[in-house]
Amino acid sequence: MGVQEAVKTALQEDRQELIRVLAEHRVRPTPDEQSEGTSLGGLSAAPSFRFETEAGGTAITDRQTRSAVVDALGVHSEADCEAVREEIADHAAWDG
């Protein structure tokens, strides 16, 4: 099963399973510097995030899945992103 399919399956379970799957595949969120983020009605823009493998490849390509993962992980800022990156890297599945 590919990373994106594994992530979609984990989204149907719970946050801990999602963290485990991301750690197993060595995928972590990264602020998307090329995107201006999303805004609603002219309000301040929320940052956008990519999900990359440790080697720098894009792991989750479809926008809907990325959005669902961001929501499930509670990533709304760069500080949230850093905390989740650490949580994923600290998971036992990270080391395989």
PDB file of N, CA and C in Angstrom:
ATOM      1  N   MET A   1       0.852  -1.171   0.000  1.00  0.00           N
ATOM      2  CA  MET A   1       0.000   0.000   0.000  1.00  0.00           C
ATOM      3  C   MET A   1       0.899   1.236   0.000  1.00  0.00           C
ATOM      4  N   GLY A   2       0.571   2.214  -0.835  1.00  0.00           N
ATOM      5  CA  GLY A   2       1.329   3.452  -0.897  1.00  0.00           C
ATOM      6  C   GLY A   2       1.085   4.319   0.326  1.00  0.00           C
ATOM      7  N   VAL A   3       1.928   5.312   0.485  1.00  0.00           N
ATOM      8  CA  VAL A   3       1.836   6.203   1.644  1.00  0.00           C
ATOM      9  C   VAL A   3       0.477   6.881   1.702  1.00  0.00           C
ATOM     10  N   GLN A   4       0.038   7.446   0.588  1.00  0.00           N
ATOM     11  CA  GLN A   4      -1.213   8.189   0.600  1.00  0.00           C
ATOM     12  C   GLN A   4      -2.391   7.288   0.965  1.00  0.00           C
ATOM     13  N   GLU A   5      -2.419   6.076   0.450  1.00  0.00           N
ATOM     14  CA  GLU A   5      -3.503   5.146   0.781  1.00  0.00           C
ATOM     15  C   GLU A   5      -3.443   4.746   2.255  1.00  0.00           C
ATOM     16  N   ALA A   6      -2.242   4.525   2.776  1.00  0.00           N
ATOM     17  CA  ALA A   6      -2.085   4.183   4.197  1.00  0.00           C
ATOM     18  C   ALA A   6      -2.568   5.329   5.076  1.00  0.00           C
ATOM     19  N   VAL A   7      -2.276   6.553   4.665  1.00  0.00           N
ATOM     20  CA  VAL A   7      -2.713   7.729   5.421  1.00  0.00           C
ATOM     21  C   VAL A   7      -4.236   7.831   5.388  1.00  0.00           C
ATOM     22  N   LYS A   8      -4.836   7.621   4.233  1.00  0.00           N
ATOM     23  CA  LYS A   8      -6.302   7.679   4.130  1.00  0.00           C
ATOM     24  C   LYS A   8      -6.956   6.647   5.046  1.00  0.00           C
ATOM     25  N   THR A   9      -6.380   5.454   5.107  1.00  0.00           N
ATOM     26  CA  THR A   9      -6.906   4.413   5.992  1.00  0.00           C
ATOM     27  C   THR A   9      -6.758   4.830   7.449  1.00  0.00           C
ATOM     28  N   ALA A  10      -5.608   5.382   7.813  1.00  0.00           N
ATOM     29  CA  ALA A  10      -5.361   5.822   9.193  1.00  0.00           C
ATOM     30  C   ALA A  10      -6.307   6.944   9.596  1.00  0.00           C
ATOM     31  N   LEU A  11      -6.663   7.804   8.660  1.00  0.00           N
ATOM     32  CA  LEU A  11      -7.594   8.897   8.954  1.00  0.00           C
ATOM     33  C   LEU A  11      -8.952   8.369   9.407  1.00  0.00           C
ATOM     34  N   GLN A  12      -9.309   7.174   8.975  1.00  0.00           N
ATOM     35  CA  GLN A  12     -10.591   6.579   9.354  1.00  0.00           C
ATOM     36  C   GLN A  12     -10.541   6.002  10.763  1.00  0.00           C
ATOM     37  N   GLU A  13      -9.338   5.868  11.309  1.00  0.00           N
ATOM     38  CA  GLU A  13      -9.198   5.314  12.658  1.00  0.00           C
ATOM     39  C   GLU A  13      -9.070   6.456  13.668  1.00  0.00           C
ATOM     40  N   ASP A  14      -7.869   6.759  14.116  1.00  0.00           N
ATOM     41  CA  ASP A  14      -7.703   7.836  15.089  1.00  0.00           C
ATOM     42  C   ASP A  14      -6.360   8.530  14.895  1.00  0.00           C
ATOM     43  N   ARG A  15      -6.151   9.576  15.667  1.00  0.00           N
ATOM     44  CA  ARG A  15      -4.942  10.390  15.533  1.00  0.00           C
ATOM     45  C   ARG A  15      -3.681   9.574  15.791  1.00  0.00           C
ATOM     46  N   GLN A  16      -3.712   8.696  16.790  1.00  0.00           N
ATOM     47  CA  GLN A  16      -2.528   7.890  17.118  1.00  0.00           C
ATOM     48  C   GLN A  16      -2.144   6.978  15.960  1.00  0.00           C
ATOM     49  N   GLU A  17      -3.131   6.414  15.290  1.00  0.00           N
ATOM     50  CA  GLU A  17      -2.847   5.567  14.128  1.00  0.00           C
ATOM     51  C   GLU A  17      -2.262   6.407  12.998  1.00  0.00           C
ATOM     52  N   LEU A  18      -2.759   7.610  12.835  1.00  0.00           N
ATOM     53  CA  LEU A  18      -2.221   8.509  11.813  1.00  0.00           C
ATOM     54  C   LEU A  18      -0.757   8.842  12.106  1.00  0.00           C
ATOM     55  N   ILE A  19      -0.451   9.149  13.362  1.00  0.00           N
ATOM     56  CA  ILE A  19       0.935   9.428  13.760  1.00  0.00           C
ATOM     57  C   ILE A  19       1.805   8.201  13.481  1.00  0.00           C
ATOM     58  N   ARG A  20       1.300   7.015  13.816  1.00  0.00           N
ATOM     59  CA  ARG A  20       2.066   5.784  13.590  1.00  0.00           C
ATOM     60  C   ARG A  20       2.372   5.584  12.105  1.00  0.00           C
ATOM     61  N   VAL A  21       1.364   5.766  11.264  1.00  0.00           N
ATOM     62  CA  VAL A  21       1.550   5.574   9.820  1.00  0.00           C
ATOM     63  C   VAL A  21       2.537   6.600   9.268  1.00  0.00           C
ATOM     64  N   LEU A  22       2.404   7.845   9.686  1.00  0.00           N
ATOM     65  CA  LEU A  22       3.343   8.870   9.216  1.00  0.00           C
ATOM     66  C   LEU A  22       4.764   8.539   9.659  1.00  0.00           C
ATOM     67  N   ALA A  23       4.915   8.080  10.902  1.00  0.00           N
ATOM     68  CA  ALA A  23       6.245   7.707  11.405  1.00  0.00           C
ATOM     69  C   ALA A  23       6.800   6.508  10.643  1.00  0.00           C
ATOM     70  N   GLU A  24       5.961   5.523  10.412  1.00  0.00           N
ATOM     71  CA  GLU A  24       6.391   4.315   9.699  1.00  0.00           C
ATOM     72  C   GLU A  24       6.933   4.651   8.306  1.00  0.00           C
ATOM     73  N   HIS A  25       6.285   5.608   7.657  1.00  0.00           N
ATOM     74  CA  HIS A  25       6.697   6.002   6.304  1.00  0.00           C
ATOM     75  C   HIS A  25       7.672   7.186   6.317  1.00  0.00           C
ATOM     76  N   ARG A  26       8.018   7.638   7.533  1.00  0.00           N
ATOM     77  CA  ARG A  26       8.961   8.742   7.716  1.00  0.00           C
ATOM     78  C   ARG A  26       8.504  10.001   6.965  1.00  0.00           C
ATOM     79  N   VAL A  27       7.236  10.347   7.217  1.00  0.00           N
ATOM     80  CA  VAL A  27       6.603  11.507   6.591  1.00  0.00           C
ATOM     81  C   VAL A  27       6.254  12.509   7.674  1.00  0.00           C
ATOM     82  N   ARG A  28       6.636  13.762   7.453  1.00  0.00           N
ATOM     83  CA  ARG A  28       6.316  14.815   8.421  1.00  0.00           C
ATOM     84  C   ARG A  28       5.824  16.061   7.692  1.00  0.00           C
ATOM     85  N   PRO A  29       4.993  16.870   8.375  1.00  0.00           N
ATOM     86  CA  PRO A  29       4.525  18.113   7.759  1.00  0.00           C
ATOM     87  C   PRO A  29       5.656  19.133   7.698  1.00  0.00           C
ATOM     88  N   THR A  30       5.603  19.966   6.676  1.00  0.00           N
ATOM     89  CA  THR A  30       6.564  21.040   6.488  1.00  0.00           C
ATOM     90  C   THR A  30       5.790  22.265   6.034  1.00  0.00           C
ATOM     91  N   PRO A  31       6.038  23.436   6.623  1.00  0.00           N
ATOM     92  CA  PRO A  31       5.368  24.638   6.119  1.00  0.00           C
ATOM     93  C   PRO A  31       5.679  24.816   4.633  1.00  0.00           C
ATOM     94  N   ASP A  32       4.668  25.151   3.865  1.00  0.00           N
ATOM     95  CA  ASP A  32       4.835  25.333   2.421  1.00  0.00           C
ATOM     96  C   ASP A  32       5.194  26.784   2.154  1.00  0.00           C
ATOM     97  N   GLU A  33       6.470  27.026   1.955  1.00  0.00           N
ATOM     98  CA  GLU A  33       6.972  28.383   1.745  1.00  0.00           C
ATOM     99  C   GLU A  33       6.480  28.972   0.426  1.00  0.00           C
ATOM    100  N   GLN A  34       6.122  28.129  -0.536  1.00  0.00           N
ATOM    101  CA  GLN A  34       5.703  28.610  -1.850  1.00  0.00           C
ATOM    102  C   GLN A  34       4.236  29.005  -1.882  1.00  0.00           C
ATOM    103  N   SER A  35       3.505  28.639  -0.854  1.00  0.00           N
ATOM    104  CA  SER A  35       2.085  28.947  -0.797  1.00  0.00           C
ATOM    105  C   SER A  35       1.864  30.112   0.156  1.00  0.00           C
ATOM    106  N   GLU A  36       0.915  30.942  -0.178  1.00  0.00           N
ATOM    107  CA  GLU A  36       0.579  32.056   0.710  1.00  0.00           C
ATOM    108  C   GLU A  36      -0.399  31.633   1.793  1.00  0.00           C
ATOM    109  N   GLY A  37      -0.778  30.385   1.794  1.00  0.00           N
ATOM    110  CA  GLY A  37      -1.742  29.904   2.779  1.00  0.00           C
ATOM    111  C   GLY A  37      -3.153  30.124   2.290  1.00  0.00           C
ATOM    112  N   THR A  38      -4.078  29.861   3.177  1.00  0.00           N
ATOM    113  CA  THR A  38      -5.477  30.013   2.816  1.00  0.00           C
ATOM    114  C   THR A  38      -6.092  31.081   3.693  1.00  0.00           C
ATOM    115  N   SER A  39      -7.006  31.825   3.120  1.00  0.00           N
ATOM    116  CA  SER A  39      -7.688  32.835   3.918  1.00  0.00           C
ATOM    117  C   SER A  39      -9.175  32.741   3.638  1.00  0.00           C
ATOM    118  N   LEU A  40      -9.943  33.231   4.564  1.00  0.00           N
ATOM    119  CA  LEU A  40     -11.386  33.177   4.440  1.00  0.00           C
ATOM    120  C   LEU A  40     -11.923  34.587   4.586  1.00  0.00           C
ATOM    121  N   GLY A  41     -12.508  35.089   3.554  1.00  0.00           N
ATOM    122  CA  GLY A  41     -13.132  36.399   3.617  1.00  0.00           C
ATOM    123  C   GLY A  41     -12.184  37.531   3.963  1.00  0.00           C
ATOM    124  N   GLY A  42     -10.948  37.445   3.504  1.00  0.00           N
ATOM    125  CA  GLY A  42      -9.995  38.518   3.737  1.00  0.00           C
ATOM    126  C   GLY A  42      -9.341  38.491   5.104  1.00  0.00           C
ATOM    127  N   LEU A  43      -9.654  37.477   5.907  1.00  0.00           N
ATOM    128  CA  LEU A  43      -9.013  37.358   7.214  1.00  0.00           C
ATOM    129  C   LEU A  43      -7.568  36.937   7.026  1.00  0.00           C
ATOM    130  N   SER A  44      -6.797  36.943   8.087  1.00  0.00           N
ATOM    131  CA  SER A  44      -5.389  36.568   7.963  1.00  0.00           C
ATOM    132  C   SER A  44      -5.261  35.149   7.430  1.00  0.00           C
ATOM    133  N   ALA A  45      -4.235  34.954   6.644  1.00  0.00           N
ATOM    134  CA  ALA A  45      -4.038  33.662   5.991  1.00  0.00           C
ATOM    135  C   ALA A  45      -3.450  32.643   6.954  1.00  0.00           C
ATOM    136  N   ALA A  46      -3.998  31.443   6.915  1.00  0.00           N
ATOM    137  CA  ALA A  46      -3.436  30.326   7.675  1.00  0.00           C
ATOM    138  C   ALA A  46      -2.338  29.706   6.819  1.00  0.00           C
ATOM    139  N   PRO A  47      -1.252  29.285   7.428  1.00  0.00           N
ATOM    140  CA  PRO A  47      -0.180  28.694   6.630  1.00  0.00           C
ATOM    141  C   PRO A  47      -0.615  27.375   6.000  1.00  0.00           C
ATOM    142  N   SER A  48      -0.008  27.050   4.877  1.00  0.00           N
ATOM    143  CA  SER A  48      -0.246  25.768   4.219  1.00  0.00           C
ATOM    144  C   SER A  48       0.915  24.843   4.533  1.00  0.00           C
ATOM    145  N   PHE A  49       0.648  23.554   4.478  1.00  0.00           N
ATOM    146  CA  PHE A  49       1.670  22.571   4.821  1.00  0.00           C
ATOM    147  C   PHE A  49       1.764  21.506   3.742  1.00  0.00           C
ATOM    148  N   ARG A  50       2.982  21.025   3.539  1.00  0.00           N
ATOM    149  CA  ARG A  50       3.245  19.882   2.667  1.00  0.00           C
ATOM    150  C   ARG A  50       3.572  18.711   3.579  1.00  0.00           C
ATOM    151  N   PHE A  51       3.456  17.515   3.039  1.00  0.00           N
ATOM    152  CA  PHE A  51       3.874  16.317   3.769  1.00  0.00           C
ATOM    153  C   PHE A  51       4.945  15.650   2.932  1.00  0.00           C
ATOM    154  N   GLU A  52       6.156  15.623   3.483  1.00  0.00           N
ATOM    155  CA  GLU A  52       7.306  15.120   2.747  1.00  0.00           C
ATOM    156  C   GLU A  52       7.941  13.947   3.465  1.00  0.00           C
ATOM    157  N   THR A  53       8.560  13.092   2.669  1.00  0.00           N
ATOM    158  CA  THR A  53       9.356  12.016   3.243  1.00  0.00           C
ATOM    159  C   THR A  53      10.661  12.618   3.739  1.00  0.00           C
ATOM    160  N   GLU A  54      11.359  11.876   4.555  1.00  0.00           N
ATOM    161  CA  GLU A  54      12.629  12.358   5.085  1.00  0.00           C
ATOM    162  C   GLU A  54      13.610  12.678   3.957  1.00  0.00           C
ATOM    163  N   ALA A  55      13.484  11.978   2.838  1.00  0.00           N
ATOM    164  CA  ALA A  55      14.368  12.206   1.696  1.00  0.00           C
ATOM    165  C   ALA A  55      13.956  13.433   0.876  1.00  0.00           C
ATOM    166  N   GLY A  56      12.855  14.080   1.267  1.00  0.00           N
ATOM    167  CA  GLY A  56      12.430  15.301   0.592  1.00  0.00           C
ATOM    168  C   GLY A  56      11.380  15.117  -0.483  1.00  0.00           C
ATOM    169  N   GLY A  57      10.901  13.898  -0.680  1.00  0.00           N
ATOM    170  CA  GLY A  57       9.858  13.664  -1.674  1.00  0.00           C
ATOM    171  C   GLY A  57       8.482  13.979  -1.111  1.00  0.00           C
ATOM    172  N   THR A  58       7.573  14.368  -1.973  1.00  0.00           N
ATOM    173  CA  THR A  58       6.209  14.656  -1.546  1.00  0.00           C
ATOM    174  C   THR A  58       5.472  13.344  -1.329  1.00  0.00           C
ATOM    175  N   ALA A  59       4.884  13.186  -0.162  1.00  0.00           N
ATOM    176  CA  ALA A  59       4.226  11.932   0.192  1.00  0.00           C
ATOM    177  C   ALA A  59       2.716  11.976  -0.009  1.00  0.00           C
ATOM    178  N   ILE A  60       2.109  13.122   0.230  1.00  0.00           N
ATOM    179  CA  ILE A  60       0.658  13.247   0.118  1.00  0.00           C
ATOM    180  C   ILE A  60       0.388  14.330  -0.914  1.00  0.00           C
ATOM    181  N   THR A  61      -0.078  13.919  -2.072  1.00  0.00           N
ATOM    182  CA  THR A  61      -0.198  14.865  -3.164  1.00  0.00           C
ATOM    183  C   THR A  61      -1.588  15.462  -3.310  1.00  0.00           C
ATOM    184  N   ASP A  62      -2.604  14.748  -2.882  1.00  0.00           N
ATOM    185  CA  ASP A  62      -3.940  15.287  -3.107  1.00  0.00           C
ATOM    186  C   ASP A  62      -4.344  16.241  -1.991  1.00  0.00           C
ATOM    187  N   ARG A  63      -4.864  17.372  -2.422  1.00  0.00           N
ATOM    188  CA  ARG A  63      -5.166  18.487  -1.516  1.00  0.00           C
ATOM    189  C   ARG A  63      -6.184  18.104  -0.442  1.00  0.00           C
ATOM    190  N   GLN A  64      -7.175  17.335  -0.815  1.00  0.00           N
ATOM    191  CA  GLN A  64      -8.213  16.937   0.138  1.00  0.00           C
ATOM    192  C   GLN A  64      -7.612  16.093   1.265  1.00  0.00           C
ATOM    193  N   THR A  65      -6.729  15.164   0.917  1.00  0.00           N
ATOM    194  CA  THR A  65      -6.090  14.331   1.938  1.00  0.00           C
ATOM    195  C   THR A  65      -5.178  15.173   2.815  1.00  0.00           C
ATOM    196  N   ARG A  66      -4.397  16.070   2.206  1.00  0.00           N
ATOM    197  CA  ARG A  66      -3.527  16.963   2.985  1.00  0.00           C
ATOM    198  C   ARG A  66      -4.343  17.753   3.996  1.00  0.00           C
ATOM    199  N   SER A  67      -5.457  18.305   3.544  1.00  0.00           N
ATOM    200  CA  SER A  67      -6.316  19.097   4.420  1.00  0.00           C
ATOM    201  C   SER A  67      -6.864  18.252   5.567  1.00  0.00           C
ATOM    202  N   ALA A  68      -7.287  17.030   5.274  1.00  0.00           N
ATOM    203  CA  ALA A  68      -7.814  16.138   6.314  1.00  0.00           C
ATOM    204  C   ALA A  68      -6.735  15.786   7.333  1.00  0.00           C
ATOM    205  N   VAL A  69      -5.498  15.570   6.866  1.00  0.00           N
ATOM    206  CA  VAL A  69      -4.396  15.237   7.774  1.00  0.00           C
ATOM    207  C   VAL A  69      -4.060  16.433   8.656  1.00  0.00           C
ATOM    208  N   VAL A  70      -4.006  17.621   8.070  1.00  0.00           N
ATOM    209  CA  VAL A  70      -3.735  18.840   8.845  1.00  0.00           C
ATOM    210  C   VAL A  70      -4.784  19.000   9.942  1.00  0.00           C
ATOM    211  N   ASP A  71      -6.049  18.811   9.601  1.00  0.00           N
ATOM    212  CA  ASP A  71      -7.127  18.927  10.593  1.00  0.00           C
ATOM    213  C   ASP A  71      -7.008  17.854  11.673  1.00  0.00           C
ATOM    214  N   ALA A  72      -6.755  16.613  11.267  1.00  0.00           N
ATOM    215  CA  ALA A  72      -6.658  15.508  12.231  1.00  0.00           C
ATOM    216  C   ALA A  72      -5.491  15.695  13.192  1.00  0.00           C
ATOM    217  N   LEU A  73      -4.409  16.279  12.700  1.00  0.00           N
ATOM    218  CA  LEU A  73      -3.228  16.496  13.544  1.00  0.00           C
ATOM    219  C   LEU A  73      -3.311  17.794  14.345  1.00  0.00           C
ATOM    220  N   GLY A  74      -4.249  18.667  13.995  1.00  0.00           N
ATOM    221  CA  GLY A  74      -4.375  19.943  14.695  1.00  0.00           C
ATOM    222  C   GLY A  74      -3.247  20.906  14.372  1.00  0.00           C
ATOM    223  N   VAL A  75      -2.801  20.894  13.125  1.00  0.00           N
ATOM    224  CA  VAL A  75      -1.708  21.774  12.704  1.00  0.00           C
ATOM    225  C   VAL A  75      -2.313  23.049  12.117  1.00  0.00           C
ATOM    226  N   HIS A  76      -2.195  24.152  12.877  1.00  0.00           N
ATOM    227  CA  HIS A  76      -2.764  25.418  12.431  1.00  0.00           C
ATOM    228  C   HIS A  76      -1.732  26.528  12.356  1.00  0.00           C
ATOM    229  N   SER A  77      -0.524  26.233  12.813  1.00  0.00           N
ATOM    230  CA  SER A  77       0.540  27.239  12.805  1.00  0.00           C
ATOM    231  C   SER A  77       1.879  26.530  12.641  1.00  0.00           C
ATOM    232  N   GLU A  78       2.917  27.318  12.417  1.00  0.00           N
ATOM    233  CA  GLU A  78       4.249  26.721  12.306  1.00  0.00           C
ATOM    234  C   GLU A  78       4.675  26.091  13.630  1.00  0.00           C
ATOM    235  N   ALA A  79       4.238  26.650  14.752  1.00  0.00           N
ATOM    236  CA  ALA A  79       4.558  26.060  16.063  1.00  0.00           C
ATOM    237  C   ALA A  79       3.882  24.694  16.209  1.00  0.00           C
ATOM    238  N   ASP A  80       2.614  24.604  15.789  1.00  0.00           N
ATOM    239  CA  ASP A  80       1.917  23.310  15.802  1.00  0.00           C
ATOM    240  C   ASP A  80       2.655  22.315  14.918  1.00  0.00           C
ATOM    241  N   CYS A  81       3.092  22.784  13.765  1.00  0.00           N
ATOM    242  CA  CYS A  81       3.794  21.927  12.811  1.00  0.00           C
ATOM    243  C   CYS A  81       5.050  21.345  13.446  1.00  0.00           C
ATOM    244  N   GLU A  82       5.814  22.177  14.129  1.00  0.00           N
ATOM    245  CA  GLU A  82       7.056  21.705  14.751  1.00  0.00           C
ATOM    246  C   GLU A  82       6.760  20.673  15.837  1.00  0.00           C
ATOM    247  N   ALA A  83       5.717  20.905  16.624  1.00  0.00           N
ATOM    248  CA  ALA A  83       5.354  19.951  17.679  1.00  0.00           C
ATOM    249  C   ALA A  83       4.955  18.600  17.080  1.00  0.00           C
ATOM    250  N   VAL A  84       4.195  18.614  15.998  1.00  0.00           N
ATOM    251  CA  VAL A  84       3.768  17.376  15.351  1.00  0.00           C
ATOM    252  C   VAL A  84       4.957  16.682  14.689  1.00  0.00           C
ATOM    253  N   ARG A  85       5.863  17.452  14.098  1.00  0.00           N
ATOM    254  CA  ARG A  85       7.077  16.865  13.504  1.00  0.00           C
ATOM    255  C   ARG A  85       7.852  16.082  14.567  1.00  0.00           C
ATOM    256  N   GLU A  86       7.982  16.668  15.755  1.00  0.00           N
ATOM    257  CA  GLU A  86       8.696  15.996  16.848  1.00  0.00           C
ATOM    258  C   GLU A  86       7.941  14.751  17.308  1.00  0.00           C
ATOM    259  N   GLU A  87       6.615  14.867  17.418  1.00  0.00           N
ATOM    260  CA  GLU A  87       5.805  13.725  17.846  1.00  0.00           C
ATOM    261  C   GLU A  87       5.960  12.549  16.874  1.00  0.00           C
ATOM    262  N   ILE A  88       5.961  12.836  15.595  1.00  0.00           N
ATOM    263  CA  ILE A  88       6.115  11.780  14.589  1.00  0.00           C
ATOM    264  C   ILE A  88       7.504  11.157  14.680  1.00  0.00           C
ATOM    265  N   ALA A  89       8.539  11.989  14.763  1.00  0.00           N
ATOM    266  CA  ALA A  89       9.918  11.482  14.819  1.00  0.00           C
ATOM    267  C   ALA A  89      10.188  10.709  16.107  1.00  0.00           C
ATOM    268  N   ASP A  90       9.473  11.040  17.185  1.00  0.00           N
ATOM    269  CA  ASP A  90       9.663  10.356  18.468  1.00  0.00           C
ATOM    270  C   ASP A  90       8.892   9.035  18.560  1.00  0.00           C
ATOM    271  N   HIS A  91       7.999   8.780  17.619  1.00  0.00           N
ATOM    272  CA  HIS A  91       7.192   7.557  17.651  1.00  0.00           C
ATOM    273  C   HIS A  91       8.080   6.342  17.386  1.00  0.00           C
ATOM    274  N   ALA A  92       7.779   5.229  18.052  1.00  0.00           N
ATOM    275  CA  ALA A  92       8.567   3.997  17.900  1.00  0.00           C
ATOM    276  C   ALA A  92       8.618   3.514  16.448  1.00  0.00           C
ATOM    277  N   ALA A  93       7.572   3.772  15.667  1.00  0.00           N
ATOM    278  CA  ALA A  93       7.537   3.318  14.273  1.00  0.00           C
ATOM    279  C   ALA A  93       8.537   4.067  13.393  1.00  0.00           C
ATOM    280  N   TRP A  94       9.014   5.231  13.856  1.00  0.00           N
ATOM    281  CA  TRP A  94       9.974   6.012  13.066  1.00  0.00           C
ATOM    282  C   TRP A  94      11.244   5.204  12.793  1.00  0.00           C
ATOM    283  N   ASP A  95      11.680   4.445  13.773  1.00  0.00           N
ATOM    284  CA  ASP A  95      12.915   3.676  13.628  1.00  0.00           C
ATOM    285  C   ASP A  95      12.692   2.318  12.978  1.00  0.00           C
ATOM    286  N   GLY A  96      11.458   2.039  12.653  1.00  0.00           N
ATOM    287  CA  GLY A  96      11.151   0.850  11.891  1.00  0.00           C
ATOM    288  C   GLY A  96      11.000  -0.388  12.653  1.00  0.00           C
TER     289      GLY A  96
END
